[in-house]
Every structure is written in structure tokens, then in C-alpha cells.
Amino acid sequence: MPHLIIEHSNNLPIPAQQLVEAVHLATQSTALFDPTTLKTRTQSTDYYKLAEGKIGFVHIHAHLIEGRSEAQKQLLSNALLEVLQTMFDTNWLLSVHPYDLLPSIYRKN
């Protein structure tokens, strides 16, 4: 854990794999998670409408098992937003949102 889902507009100025690698490494750098449990992937969106002057977006959904403190979630959010800001200019909408997964209902094999 966590599952990092990078939702983005279909006009990335960089290869999606480069974005995956940067987000994955930024998550590792927080030292909040066992690196062997990180999962990072992208989902491209073909149809979207943005505020005037914005050319694209990147939003990271960080799905975490419940139990992290607010400070830990802020650390993760800040690390991920910072890495996005190094990769995209101000014409891009950038956002991050950690979500808690409830261990009582989350399932995996």
C-alpha cells in the first residue's frame, strides 16, 4: 500500500512512464511505506474541460490503508505536489488527494 492512481489529460508533455517513475520515487522518499508495496499507474482522460488558460491537468489519487496521521498524509501530499510542480508549468492544474481505505472492507489476493 498505497495505490497511486495518476489521472491526467491526454496531452502530457512528457512520457507517462516518466511521470509514473517520478511519483513513485517521491512516494518512496517520504519513508512512510514499505517500498515493495507501492503501486503506481496512470489513467489518461480524453474528454475534459478546464478553466480558461489551463492546458491540462494531473490529479493523484493516493489510496492508503486507514491509520495514517493527518501529518503523514500532508507529508505525502506535499511531496507529490512538489514533484508535479517540477514537471509541469503553471498552465497545468495539479492536485493530490490521499484517501483512506477501510481495512475491514478492503480486499486483495
N, C-alpha and C. Protein backbone atom coordinates (compact mmCIF):
# COMPACT_ATOMS: atom_id res chain seq x y z
N MET A 1 0.86 -1.15 0.00
CA MET A 1 0.00 0.00 0.00
C MET A 1 0.91 1.21 0.00
N PRO A 2 0.71 2.23 -0.65
CA PRO A 2 -0.54 2.71 -1.23
C PRO A 2 -0.68 2.35 -2.71
N HIS A 3 -1.90 2.60 -3.20
CA HIS A 3 -2.17 2.57 -4.64
C HIS A 3 -2.19 4.03 -5.08
N LEU A 4 -1.32 4.39 -6.00
CA LEU A 4 -1.27 5.74 -6.53
C LEU A 4 -1.82 5.72 -7.95
N ILE A 5 -2.91 6.41 -8.16
CA ILE A 5 -3.54 6.47 -9.47
C ILE A 5 -3.40 7.90 -9.97
N ILE A 6 -2.65 8.05 -11.06
CA ILE A 6 -2.40 9.37 -11.62
C ILE A 6 -3.38 9.56 -12.78
N GLU A 7 -4.38 10.37 -12.54
CA GLU A 7 -5.35 10.70 -13.58
C GLU A 7 -4.83 11.95 -14.29
N HIS A 8 -4.83 11.94 -15.62
CA HIS A 8 -4.27 13.09 -16.34
C HIS A 8 -4.96 13.30 -17.68
N SER A 9 -4.88 14.53 -18.16
CA SER A 9 -5.37 14.82 -19.50
C SER A 9 -4.46 14.11 -20.51
N ASN A 10 -4.97 13.89 -21.70
CA ASN A 10 -4.26 13.09 -22.69
C ASN A 10 -3.15 13.84 -23.41
N ASN A 11 -2.81 15.02 -22.96
CA ASN A 11 -1.80 15.84 -23.65
C ASN A 11 -0.55 16.07 -22.81
N LEU A 12 -0.13 15.05 -22.08
CA LEU A 12 1.08 15.19 -21.25
C LEU A 12 2.26 15.64 -22.11
N PRO A 13 3.08 16.56 -21.60
CA PRO A 13 4.26 16.99 -22.35
C PRO A 13 5.46 16.07 -22.13
N ILE A 14 5.28 15.03 -21.34
CA ILE A 14 6.33 14.07 -21.03
C ILE A 14 5.74 12.67 -21.19
N PRO A 15 6.60 11.65 -21.34
CA PRO A 15 6.06 10.29 -21.38
C PRO A 15 5.40 9.91 -20.05
N ALA A 16 4.28 9.21 -20.12
CA ALA A 16 3.56 8.80 -18.92
C ALA A 16 4.46 7.98 -17.99
N GLN A 17 5.34 7.16 -18.55
CA GLN A 17 6.23 6.35 -17.72
C GLN A 17 7.16 7.24 -16.89
N GLN A 18 7.58 8.36 -17.42
CA GLN A 18 8.42 9.30 -16.67
C GLN A 18 7.64 9.87 -15.48
N LEU A 19 6.37 10.16 -15.68
CA LEU A 19 5.51 10.65 -14.61
C LEU A 19 5.34 9.57 -13.53
N VAL A 20 5.10 8.35 -13.95
CA VAL A 20 4.95 7.23 -13.01
C VAL A 20 6.21 7.09 -12.16
N GLU A 21 7.37 7.10 -12.81
CA GLU A 21 8.64 6.93 -12.08
C GLU A 21 8.84 8.06 -11.06
N ALA A 22 8.57 9.30 -11.45
CA ALA A 22 8.78 10.44 -10.55
C ALA A 22 7.84 10.38 -9.35
N VAL A 23 6.57 10.05 -9.59
CA VAL A 23 5.60 9.95 -8.50
C VAL A 23 5.96 8.79 -7.57
N HIS A 24 6.35 7.67 -8.14
CA HIS A 24 6.72 6.51 -7.35
C HIS A 24 7.92 6.84 -6.45
N LEU A 25 8.94 7.48 -7.02
CA LEU A 25 10.13 7.85 -6.24
C LEU A 25 9.80 8.89 -5.16
N ALA A 26 8.95 9.84 -5.47
CA ALA A 26 8.56 10.85 -4.47
C ALA A 26 7.84 10.18 -3.30
N THR A 27 7.01 9.20 -3.60
CA THR A 27 6.32 8.47 -2.54
C THR A 27 7.32 7.70 -1.68
N GLN A 28 8.25 7.03 -2.33
CA GLN A 28 9.30 6.31 -1.59
C GLN A 28 10.09 7.25 -0.69
N SER A 29 10.36 8.46 -1.17
CA SER A 29 11.20 9.40 -0.42
C SER A 29 10.58 9.83 0.90
N THR A 30 9.26 9.66 1.05
CA THR A 30 8.61 10.03 2.31
C THR A 30 8.92 9.04 3.43
N ALA A 31 9.36 7.84 3.08
CA ALA A 31 9.66 6.77 4.05
C ALA A 31 8.44 6.38 4.88
N LEU A 32 7.25 6.62 4.35
CA LEU A 32 6.02 6.26 5.06
C LEU A 32 5.56 4.84 4.77
N PHE A 33 6.10 4.23 3.72
CA PHE A 33 5.58 2.95 3.24
C PHE A 33 6.72 1.98 2.96
N ASP A 34 6.41 0.71 3.04
CA ASP A 34 7.33 -0.32 2.60
C ASP A 34 7.42 -0.20 1.07
N PRO A 35 8.61 0.08 0.53
CA PRO A 35 8.74 0.29 -0.92
C PRO A 35 8.24 -0.88 -1.77
N THR A 36 8.24 -2.08 -1.22
CA THR A 36 7.78 -3.24 -2.00
C THR A 36 6.27 -3.27 -2.15
N THR A 37 5.56 -2.40 -1.44
CA THR A 37 4.10 -2.41 -1.50
C THR A 37 3.52 -1.28 -2.36
N LEU A 38 4.36 -0.41 -2.89
CA LEU A 38 3.87 0.72 -3.70
C LEU A 38 3.39 0.25 -5.06
N LYS A 39 2.28 0.81 -5.49
CA LYS A 39 1.73 0.53 -6.82
C LYS A 39 1.35 1.87 -7.43
N THR A 40 1.88 2.16 -8.62
CA THR A 40 1.63 3.44 -9.27
C THR A 40 1.21 3.20 -10.71
N ARG A 41 0.15 3.89 -11.14
CA ARG A 41 -0.32 3.72 -12.51
C ARG A 41 -0.98 5.01 -12.98
N THR A 42 -1.18 5.11 -14.29
CA THR A 42 -1.84 6.29 -14.86
C THR A 42 -3.15 5.92 -15.52
N GLN A 43 -4.01 6.93 -15.61
CA GLN A 43 -5.25 6.83 -16.37
C GLN A 43 -5.37 8.12 -17.17
N SER A 44 -5.34 8.00 -18.48
CA SER A 44 -5.45 9.16 -19.35
C SER A 44 -6.92 9.47 -19.62
N THR A 45 -7.25 10.75 -19.66
CA THR A 45 -8.61 11.19 -19.93
C THR A 45 -8.65 11.93 -21.26
N ASP A 46 -9.51 11.47 -22.15
CA ASP A 46 -9.62 12.08 -23.47
C ASP A 46 -10.50 13.32 -23.48
N TYR A 47 -11.53 13.34 -22.68
CA TYR A 47 -12.51 14.42 -22.72
C TYR A 47 -12.55 15.13 -21.38
N TYR A 48 -12.31 16.43 -21.40
CA TYR A 48 -12.29 17.22 -20.18
C TYR A 48 -12.48 18.69 -20.54
N LYS A 49 -12.87 19.49 -19.59
CA LYS A 49 -12.99 20.93 -19.76
C LYS A 49 -12.32 21.57 -18.56
N LEU A 50 -11.48 22.56 -18.82
CA LEU A 50 -10.69 23.20 -17.77
C LEU A 50 -10.96 24.69 -17.72
N ALA A 51 -10.49 25.31 -16.65
CA ALA A 51 -10.58 26.77 -16.54
C ALA A 51 -9.81 27.42 -17.69
N GLU A 52 -10.27 28.59 -18.08
CA GLU A 52 -9.62 29.33 -19.16
C GLU A 52 -8.13 29.50 -18.88
N GLY A 53 -7.32 29.26 -19.86
CA GLY A 53 -5.88 29.42 -19.73
C GLY A 53 -5.16 28.16 -19.27
N LYS A 54 -5.88 27.16 -18.84
CA LYS A 54 -5.26 25.91 -18.41
C LYS A 54 -5.25 24.94 -19.60
N ILE A 55 -4.13 24.26 -19.77
CA ILE A 55 -3.98 23.39 -20.94
C ILE A 55 -4.08 21.90 -20.61
N GLY A 56 -4.01 21.54 -19.36
CA GLY A 56 -4.09 20.14 -18.97
C GLY A 56 -4.14 20.00 -17.47
N PHE A 57 -4.31 18.75 -17.02
CA PHE A 57 -4.38 18.51 -15.58
C PHE A 57 -3.70 17.20 -15.23
N VAL A 58 -3.27 17.14 -13.98
CA VAL A 58 -2.76 15.90 -13.37
C VAL A 58 -3.32 15.86 -11.96
N HIS A 59 -4.01 14.77 -11.62
CA HIS A 59 -4.54 14.59 -10.27
C HIS A 59 -4.11 13.22 -9.77
N ILE A 60 -3.53 13.19 -8.59
CA ILE A 60 -3.09 11.93 -8.00
C ILE A 60 -4.06 11.53 -6.89
N HIS A 61 -4.64 10.34 -7.05
CA HIS A 61 -5.44 9.70 -6.01
C HIS A 61 -4.49 8.78 -5.26
N ALA A 62 -4.30 9.00 -3.98
CA ALA A 62 -3.43 8.15 -3.17
C ALA A 62 -4.31 7.35 -2.21
N HIS A 63 -4.54 6.09 -2.52
CA HIS A 63 -5.38 5.22 -1.70
C HIS A 63 -4.50 4.55 -0.65
N LEU A 64 -4.81 4.81 0.62
CA LEU A 64 -3.99 4.34 1.74
C LEU A 64 -4.85 3.52 2.69
N ILE A 65 -4.24 2.50 3.29
CA ILE A 65 -4.94 1.78 4.37
C ILE A 65 -5.10 2.76 5.53
N GLU A 66 -6.29 2.78 6.09
CA GLU A 66 -6.62 3.66 7.21
C GLU A 66 -5.58 3.53 8.32
N GLY A 67 -5.29 4.65 8.96
CA GLY A 67 -4.39 4.61 10.10
C GLY A 67 -3.25 5.61 10.04
N ARG A 68 -3.05 6.24 8.89
CA ARG A 68 -2.01 7.27 8.79
C ARG A 68 -2.51 8.55 9.46
N SER A 69 -1.60 9.26 10.09
CA SER A 69 -1.98 10.52 10.74
C SER A 69 -2.18 11.61 9.68
N GLU A 70 -2.83 12.68 10.09
CA GLU A 70 -3.02 13.80 9.17
C GLU A 70 -1.66 14.36 8.75
N ALA A 71 -0.72 14.42 9.66
CA ALA A 71 0.63 14.91 9.34
C ALA A 71 1.31 14.03 8.29
N GLN A 72 1.14 12.72 8.39
CA GLN A 72 1.72 11.81 7.40
C GLN A 72 1.07 12.00 6.04
N LYS A 73 -0.24 12.18 6.02
CA LYS A 73 -0.95 12.42 4.76
C LYS A 73 -0.52 13.75 4.14
N GLN A 74 -0.31 14.76 4.99
CA GLN A 74 0.17 16.05 4.49
C GLN A 74 1.57 15.92 3.91
N LEU A 75 2.43 15.15 4.56
CA LEU A 75 3.78 14.91 4.06
C LEU A 75 3.71 14.29 2.67
N LEU A 76 2.87 13.28 2.51
CA LEU A 76 2.72 12.63 1.21
C LEU A 76 2.17 13.60 0.18
N SER A 77 1.10 14.31 0.52
CA SER A 77 0.50 15.27 -0.41
C SER A 77 1.52 16.31 -0.86
N ASN A 78 2.26 16.85 0.08
CA ASN A 78 3.26 17.87 -0.25
C ASN A 78 4.35 17.32 -1.15
N ALA A 79 4.84 16.12 -0.85
CA ALA A 79 5.89 15.52 -1.67
C ALA A 79 5.41 15.29 -3.09
N LEU A 80 4.18 14.81 -3.24
CA LEU A 80 3.65 14.53 -4.57
C LEU A 80 3.37 15.81 -5.35
N LEU A 81 2.80 16.81 -4.68
CA LEU A 81 2.54 18.07 -5.38
C LEU A 81 3.85 18.73 -5.79
N GLU A 82 4.84 18.68 -4.93
CA GLU A 82 6.14 19.27 -5.26
C GLU A 82 6.76 18.63 -6.49
N VAL A 83 6.68 17.31 -6.60
CA VAL A 83 7.26 16.66 -7.78
C VAL A 83 6.48 17.04 -9.03
N LEU A 84 5.16 17.14 -8.93
CA LEU A 84 4.37 17.57 -10.09
C LEU A 84 4.76 18.99 -10.51
N GLN A 85 4.98 19.86 -9.55
CA GLN A 85 5.32 21.25 -9.86
C GLN A 85 6.68 21.37 -10.53
N THR A 86 7.56 20.39 -10.34
CA THR A 86 8.84 20.42 -11.05
C THR A 86 8.71 19.93 -12.49
N MET A 87 7.62 19.24 -12.79
CA MET A 87 7.44 18.63 -14.11
C MET A 87 6.49 19.40 -15.02
N PHE A 88 5.63 20.25 -14.44
CA PHE A 88 4.59 20.93 -15.21
C PHE A 88 4.60 22.42 -14.86
N ASP A 89 4.31 23.26 -15.85
CA ASP A 89 4.28 24.70 -15.59
C ASP A 89 2.92 25.13 -15.06
N THR A 90 2.76 26.41 -14.85
CA THR A 90 1.55 26.94 -14.22
C THR A 90 0.32 26.88 -15.12
N ASN A 91 0.47 26.47 -16.36
CA ASN A 91 -0.69 26.28 -17.25
C ASN A 91 -1.40 24.96 -16.97
N TRP A 92 -0.87 24.19 -16.05
CA TRP A 92 -1.44 22.89 -15.71
C TRP A 92 -2.13 22.95 -14.35
N LEU A 93 -3.27 22.28 -14.23
CA LEU A 93 -3.93 22.12 -12.94
C LEU A 93 -3.35 20.87 -12.28
N LEU A 94 -2.81 21.02 -11.10
CA LEU A 94 -2.14 19.93 -10.39
C LEU A 94 -2.81 19.74 -9.03
N SER A 95 -3.09 18.50 -8.67
CA SER A 95 -3.72 18.24 -7.38
C SER A 95 -3.41 16.83 -6.89
N VAL A 96 -3.54 16.67 -5.58
CA VAL A 96 -3.27 15.39 -4.91
C VAL A 96 -4.32 15.21 -3.83
N HIS A 97 -4.84 13.99 -3.68
CA HIS A 97 -5.77 13.72 -2.59
C HIS A 97 -5.55 12.32 -2.03
N PRO A 98 -5.07 12.21 -0.80
CA PRO A 98 -5.00 10.91 -0.14
C PRO A 98 -6.40 10.48 0.34
N TYR A 99 -6.69 9.22 0.19
CA TYR A 99 -7.96 8.64 0.63
C TYR A 99 -7.66 7.46 1.54
N ASP A 100 -8.46 7.31 2.59
CA ASP A 100 -8.33 6.14 3.46
C ASP A 100 -9.16 4.99 2.91
N LEU A 101 -8.54 3.82 2.87
CA LEU A 101 -9.26 2.57 2.59
C LEU A 101 -9.52 1.89 3.93
N LEU A 102 -10.71 1.44 4.14
CA LEU A 102 -11.05 0.78 5.39
C LEU A 102 -10.57 -0.68 5.36
N PRO A 103 -9.71 -1.07 6.28
CA PRO A 103 -9.20 -2.45 6.26
C PRO A 103 -10.30 -3.49 6.45
N SER A 104 -11.40 -3.10 7.08
CA SER A 104 -12.48 -4.06 7.31
C SER A 104 -13.22 -4.44 6.02
N ILE A 105 -13.11 -3.60 4.98
CA ILE A 105 -13.80 -3.92 3.72
C ILE A 105 -12.88 -4.01 2.51
N TYR A 106 -11.63 -3.57 2.63
CA TYR A 106 -10.68 -3.66 1.53
C TYR A 106 -10.25 -5.12 1.36
N ARG A 107 -10.22 -5.58 0.15
CA ARG A 107 -9.81 -6.97 -0.14
C ARG A 107 -8.74 -6.99 -1.23
N LYS A 108 -7.85 -7.93 -1.14
CA LYS A 108 -6.86 -8.19 -2.18
C LYS A 108 -6.43 -9.64 -2.09
N ASN A 109 -5.79 -10.12 -3.14
CA ASN A 109 -5.31 -11.51 -3.08
C ASN A 109 -3.82 -11.54 -2.98
